[in-house]
Amino acid sequence: MFNQRILKLAVVLILFSLTFFKANHIPQMLIEQMDWYLLFKKRTHIIEQVKNKELQPNVTYNGFMCELPFEFPIVSNGGNDIAIYYNDKKQYTILFFVFRNFFEAPSTKIIYTENPENMNYFEEKTKRNPDDNWKIKENWYRIYGD
């Protein structure tokens, strides 16, 4: 228990200190890697809740955003909102924001998808721009921009 607290504190301190280094992409990549590993189980649990209809879009200004309840940790930066999309076959695509920008600035997202059309789209993005987009593992992508 004590070791877990020290580890969590160390991670928070490292993440906080890395936000001040903007000279290159290394701090951003480290933050994203830690974000992926630390929040993977929580995001997987959220995906199961979406599939079981326990979590659904709940933002009045659009039909795809879901503001997560306060008991969840911050798994999606910029408001702890996730975007939920699904097709007629109930194949889900769920977006978690790593770095969320508003208006015209692009965001960085971790995306889970079961939809073959979306998978093809993300695969094409990874081929066109592998420095900003890549497949993390089966059904999971890191995508920059739209």
C-alpha atoms as a PDB file:
ATOM      1  CA  MET A   1       0.000   0.000   0.000  1.00  0.00           C
ATOM      2  CA  PHE A   2       2.791   2.391   0.953  1.00  0.00           C
ATOM      3  CA  ASN A   3       4.780   1.526  -2.186  1.00  0.00           C
ATOM      4  CA  GLN A   4       1.760   2.204  -4.406  1.00  0.00           C
ATOM      5  CA  ARG A   5       1.331   5.660  -2.867  1.00  0.00           C
ATOM      6  CA  ILE A   6       4.988   6.462  -3.445  1.00  0.00           C
ATOM      7  CA  LEU A   7       4.744   5.211  -7.030  1.00  0.00           C
ATOM      8  CA  LYS A   8       1.633   7.302  -7.721  1.00  0.00           C
ATOM      9  CA  LEU A   9       3.245  10.385  -6.179  1.00  0.00           C
ATOM     10  CA  ALA A  10       6.398   9.827  -8.249  1.00  0.00           C
ATOM     11  CA  VAL A  11       4.364   9.504 -11.452  1.00  0.00           C
ATOM     12  CA  VAL A  12       2.424  12.695 -10.689  1.00  0.00           C
ATOM     13  CA  LEU A  13       5.630  14.587  -9.925  1.00  0.00           C
ATOM     14  CA  ILE A  14       7.290  13.321 -13.108  1.00  0.00           C
ATOM     15  CA  LEU A  15       4.265  14.222 -15.224  1.00  0.00           C
ATOM     16  CA  PHE A  16       4.074  17.654 -13.613  1.00  0.00           C
ATOM     17  CA  SER A  17       7.757  18.370 -14.143  1.00  0.00           C
ATOM     18  CA  LEU A  18       7.664  17.155 -17.749  1.00  0.00           C
ATOM     19  CA  THR A  19       5.006  19.719 -18.617  1.00  0.00           C
ATOM     20  CA  PHE A  20       7.678  22.422 -18.363  1.00  0.00           C
ATOM     21  CA  PHE A  21       9.959  20.894 -21.008  1.00  0.00           C
ATOM     22  CA  LYS A  22       8.768  21.937 -24.443  1.00  0.00           C
ATOM     23  CA  ALA A  23      12.089  21.700 -26.289  1.00  0.00           C
ATOM     24  CA  ASN A  24      11.164  18.479 -28.088  1.00  0.00           C
ATOM     25  CA  HIS A  25       8.536  15.747 -28.221  1.00  0.00           C
ATOM     26  CA  ILE A  26      10.159  13.465 -25.649  1.00  0.00           C
ATOM     27  CA  PRO A  27       8.212  14.815 -22.636  1.00  0.00           C
ATOM     28  CA  GLN A  28       4.926  14.620 -24.542  1.00  0.00           C
ATOM     29  CA  MET A  29       5.631  11.046 -25.605  1.00  0.00           C
ATOM     30  CA  LEU A  30       6.527  10.055 -22.035  1.00  0.00           C
ATOM     31  CA  ILE A  31       3.313  11.607 -20.749  1.00  0.00           C
ATOM     32  CA  GLU A  32       1.305   9.735 -23.381  1.00  0.00           C
ATOM     33  CA  GLN A  33       3.013   6.424 -22.572  1.00  0.00           C
ATOM     34  CA  MET A  34       2.292   6.814 -18.855  1.00  0.00           C
ATOM     35  CA  ASP A  35      -1.261   7.906 -19.645  1.00  0.00           C
ATOM     36  CA  TRP A  36      -1.761   4.740 -21.716  1.00  0.00           C
ATOM     37  CA  TYR A  37      -0.368   2.313 -19.146  1.00  0.00           C
ATOM     38  CA  LEU A  38      -1.882   3.922 -16.048  1.00  0.00           C
ATOM     39  CA  LEU A  39      -5.390   4.320 -17.455  1.00  0.00           C
ATOM     40  CA  PHE A  40      -5.766   1.269 -19.713  1.00  0.00           C
ATOM     41  CA  LYS A  41      -7.782  -0.840 -17.220  1.00  0.00           C
ATOM     42  CA  LYS A  42     -10.054   2.073 -16.328  1.00  0.00           C
ATOM     43  CA  ARG A  43     -10.693   2.841 -19.990  1.00  0.00           C
ATOM     44  CA  THR A  44     -11.408  -0.828 -20.703  1.00  0.00           C
ATOM     45  CA  HIS A  45     -13.919  -0.822 -17.854  1.00  0.00           C
ATOM     46  CA  ILE A  46     -15.574   2.298 -19.297  1.00  0.00           C
ATOM     47  CA  ILE A  47     -15.832   0.606 -22.710  1.00  0.00           C
ATOM     48  CA  GLU A  48     -17.622  -2.339 -21.110  1.00  0.00           C
ATOM     49  CA  GLN A  49     -20.023   0.057 -19.398  1.00  0.00           C
ATOM     50  CA  VAL A  50     -20.742   1.767 -22.725  1.00  0.00           C
ATOM     51  CA  LYS A  51     -21.427  -1.589 -24.377  1.00  0.00           C
ATOM     52  CA  ASN A  52     -23.746  -2.548 -21.491  1.00  0.00           C
ATOM     53  CA  LYS A  53     -25.596   0.791 -21.876  1.00  0.00           C
ATOM     54  CA  GLU A  54     -24.533   1.892 -18.377  1.00  0.00           C
ATOM     55  CA  LEU A  55     -22.826   4.911 -19.944  1.00  0.00           C
ATOM     56  CA  GLN A  56     -24.430   6.729 -22.859  1.00  0.00           C
ATOM     57  CA  PRO A  57     -24.132  10.144 -24.492  1.00  0.00           C
ATOM     58  CA  ASN A  58     -25.464  12.643 -21.975  1.00  0.00           C
ATOM     59  CA  VAL A  59     -24.400  16.088 -23.212  1.00  0.00           C
ATOM     60  CA  THR A  60     -27.319  18.181 -24.432  1.00  0.00           C
ATOM     61  CA  TYR A  61     -25.496  19.995 -27.244  1.00  0.00           C
ATOM     62  CA  ASN A  62     -24.666  16.836 -29.246  1.00  0.00           C
ATOM     63  CA  GLY A  63     -25.577  13.188 -29.488  1.00  0.00           C
ATOM     64  CA  PHE A  64     -22.177  11.532 -29.033  1.00  0.00           C
ATOM     65  CA  MET A  65     -20.430  13.080 -25.994  1.00  0.00           C
ATOM     66  CA  CYS A  66     -20.615  11.458 -22.582  1.00  0.00           C
ATOM     67  CA  GLU A  67     -19.499  13.404 -19.544  1.00  0.00           C
ATOM     68  CA  LEU A  68     -18.197  10.800 -17.136  1.00  0.00           C
ATOM     69  CA  PRO A  69     -19.471  10.843 -13.548  1.00  0.00           C
ATOM     70  CA  PHE A  70     -17.269  12.297 -10.825  1.00  0.00           C
ATOM     71  CA  GLU A  71     -16.453   8.900  -9.323  1.00  0.00           C
ATOM     72  CA  PHE A  72     -14.336   8.121 -12.403  1.00  0.00           C
ATOM     73  CA  PRO A  73     -10.726   9.268 -12.485  1.00  0.00           C
ATOM     74  CA  ILE A  74      -9.764  11.695 -15.216  1.00  0.00           C
ATOM     75  CA  VAL A  75      -9.408   9.291 -18.155  1.00  0.00           C
ATOM     76  CA  SER A  76     -10.069  11.882 -20.842  1.00  0.00           C
ATOM     77  CA  ASN A  77      -8.452  15.297 -20.501  1.00  0.00           C
ATOM     78  CA  GLY A  78     -10.278  18.528 -21.157  1.00  0.00           C
ATOM     79  CA  GLY A  79     -13.438  17.789 -19.177  1.00  0.00           C
ATOM     80  CA  ASN A  80     -13.398  14.013 -18.678  1.00  0.00           C
ATOM     81  CA  ASP A  81     -15.687  13.641 -21.688  1.00  0.00           C
ATOM     82  CA  ILE A  82     -15.585  10.712 -24.057  1.00  0.00           C
ATOM     83  CA  ALA A  83     -17.099  10.498 -27.517  1.00  0.00           C
ATOM     84  CA  ILE A  84     -19.225   7.430 -28.251  1.00  0.00           C
ATOM     85  CA  TYR A  85     -20.038   6.357 -31.799  1.00  0.00           C
ATOM     86  CA  TYR A  86     -21.578   3.129 -33.053  1.00  0.00           C
ATOM     87  CA  ASN A  87     -22.951   1.796 -36.308  1.00  0.00           C
ATOM     88  CA  ASP A  88     -26.007  -0.326 -37.126  1.00  0.00           C
ATOM     89  CA  LYS A  89     -24.122  -3.466 -36.120  1.00  0.00           C
ATOM     90  CA  LYS A  90     -23.400  -1.966 -32.656  1.00  0.00           C
ATOM     91  CA  GLN A  91     -19.679  -1.789 -33.377  1.00  0.00           C
ATOM     92  CA  TYR A  92     -18.364   0.903 -31.062  1.00  0.00           C
ATOM     93  CA  THR A  93     -15.756   3.600 -31.495  1.00  0.00           C
ATOM     94  CA  ILE A  94     -14.887   5.444 -28.283  1.00  0.00           C
ATOM     95  CA  LEU A  95     -12.554   8.458 -28.105  1.00  0.00           C
ATOM     96  CA  PHE A  96     -10.529   9.391 -25.034  1.00  0.00           C
ATOM     97  CA  PHE A  97      -8.706  12.724 -25.179  1.00  0.00           C
ATOM     98  CA  VAL A  98      -5.018  12.819 -24.216  1.00  0.00           C
ATOM     99  CA  PHE A  99      -4.542  16.475 -25.167  1.00  0.00           C
ATOM    100  CA  ARG A 100      -7.825  18.189 -25.943  1.00  0.00           C
ATOM    101  CA  ASN A 101      -7.983  21.402 -27.897  1.00  0.00           C
ATOM    102  CA  PHE A 102     -11.066  23.316 -28.822  1.00  0.00           C
ATOM    103  CA  PHE A 103     -12.067  25.283 -31.897  1.00  0.00           C
ATOM    104  CA  GLU A 104      -9.714  24.672 -34.842  1.00  0.00           C
ATOM    105  CA  ALA A 105      -6.668  23.284 -33.002  1.00  0.00           C
ATOM    106  CA  PRO A 106      -6.215  19.499 -33.352  1.00  0.00           C
ATOM    107  CA  SER A 107      -6.497  17.156 -30.373  1.00  0.00           C
ATOM    108  CA  THR A 108      -4.592  14.003 -29.509  1.00  0.00           C
ATOM    109  CA  LYS A 109      -6.826  11.016 -28.823  1.00  0.00           C
ATOM    110  CA  ILE A 110      -6.612   7.412 -27.779  1.00  0.00           C
ATOM    111  CA  ILE A 111      -9.331   5.618 -29.706  1.00  0.00           C
ATOM    112  CA  TYR A 112     -10.881   2.207 -29.215  1.00  0.00           C
ATOM    113  CA  THR A 113     -12.810   0.881 -32.198  1.00  0.00           C
ATOM    114  CA  GLU A 114     -14.522  -2.307 -33.310  1.00  0.00           C
ATOM    115  CA  ASN A 115     -15.818  -0.720 -36.508  1.00  0.00           C
ATOM    116  CA  PRO A 116     -13.921  -2.070 -39.566  1.00  0.00           C
ATOM    117  CA  GLU A 117     -14.514   1.159 -41.524  1.00  0.00           C
ATOM    118  CA  ASN A 118     -12.982   3.231 -38.741  1.00  0.00           C
ATOM    119  CA  MET A 119     -10.113   0.762 -38.390  1.00  0.00           C
ATOM    120  CA  ASN A 120      -9.343   1.177 -42.099  1.00  0.00           C
ATOM    121  CA  TYR A 121      -9.475   4.958 -41.742  1.00  0.00           C
ATOM    122  CA  PHE A 122      -7.095   4.909 -38.758  1.00  0.00           C
ATOM    123  CA  GLU A 123      -4.775   2.454 -40.492  1.00  0.00           C
ATOM    124  CA  GLU A 124      -4.573   4.846 -43.457  1.00  0.00           C
ATOM    125  CA  LYS A 125      -3.798   7.751 -41.119  1.00  0.00           C
ATOM    126  CA  THR A 126      -0.999   5.734 -39.527  1.00  0.00           C
ATOM    127  CA  LYS A 127       0.481   5.016 -42.966  1.00  0.00           C
ATOM    128  CA  ARG A 128       0.221   8.629 -44.146  1.00  0.00           C
ATOM    129  CA  ASN A 129       1.593  10.174 -40.974  1.00  0.00           C
ATOM    130  CA  PRO A 130       3.277   7.591 -38.717  1.00  0.00           C
ATOM    131  CA  ASP A 131       4.997  10.269 -36.617  1.00  0.00           C
ATOM    132  CA  ASP A 132       1.643  11.514 -35.288  1.00  0.00           C
ATOM    133  CA  ASN A 133      -0.597   8.441 -35.612  1.00  0.00           C
ATOM    134  CA  TRP A 134      -0.053   4.803 -34.741  1.00  0.00           C
ATOM    135  CA  LYS A 135      -1.740   1.605 -33.694  1.00  0.00           C
ATOM    136  CA  ILE A 136      -1.168   0.903 -30.013  1.00  0.00           C
ATOM    137  CA  LYS A 137      -2.566  -2.606 -29.984  1.00  0.00           C
ATOM    138  CA  GLU A 138      -5.541  -4.496 -31.414  1.00  0.00           C
ATOM    139  CA  ASN A 139      -8.534  -2.096 -31.661  1.00  0.00           C
ATOM    140  CA  TRP A 140      -6.554   0.788 -30.081  1.00  0.00           C
ATOM    141  CA  TYR A 141      -5.071   3.796 -31.895  1.00  0.00           C
ATOM    142  CA  ARG A 142      -3.304   7.015 -31.024  1.00  0.00           C
ATOM    143  CA  ILE A 143      -4.536   9.686 -33.432  1.00  0.00           C
ATOM    144  CA  TYR A 144      -3.606  13.340 -33.762  1.00  0.00           C
ATOM    145  CA  GLY A 145      -6.138  15.644 -35.382  1.00  0.00           C
ATOM    146  CA  ASP A 146      -9.490  14.662 -36.844  1.00  0.00           C
END
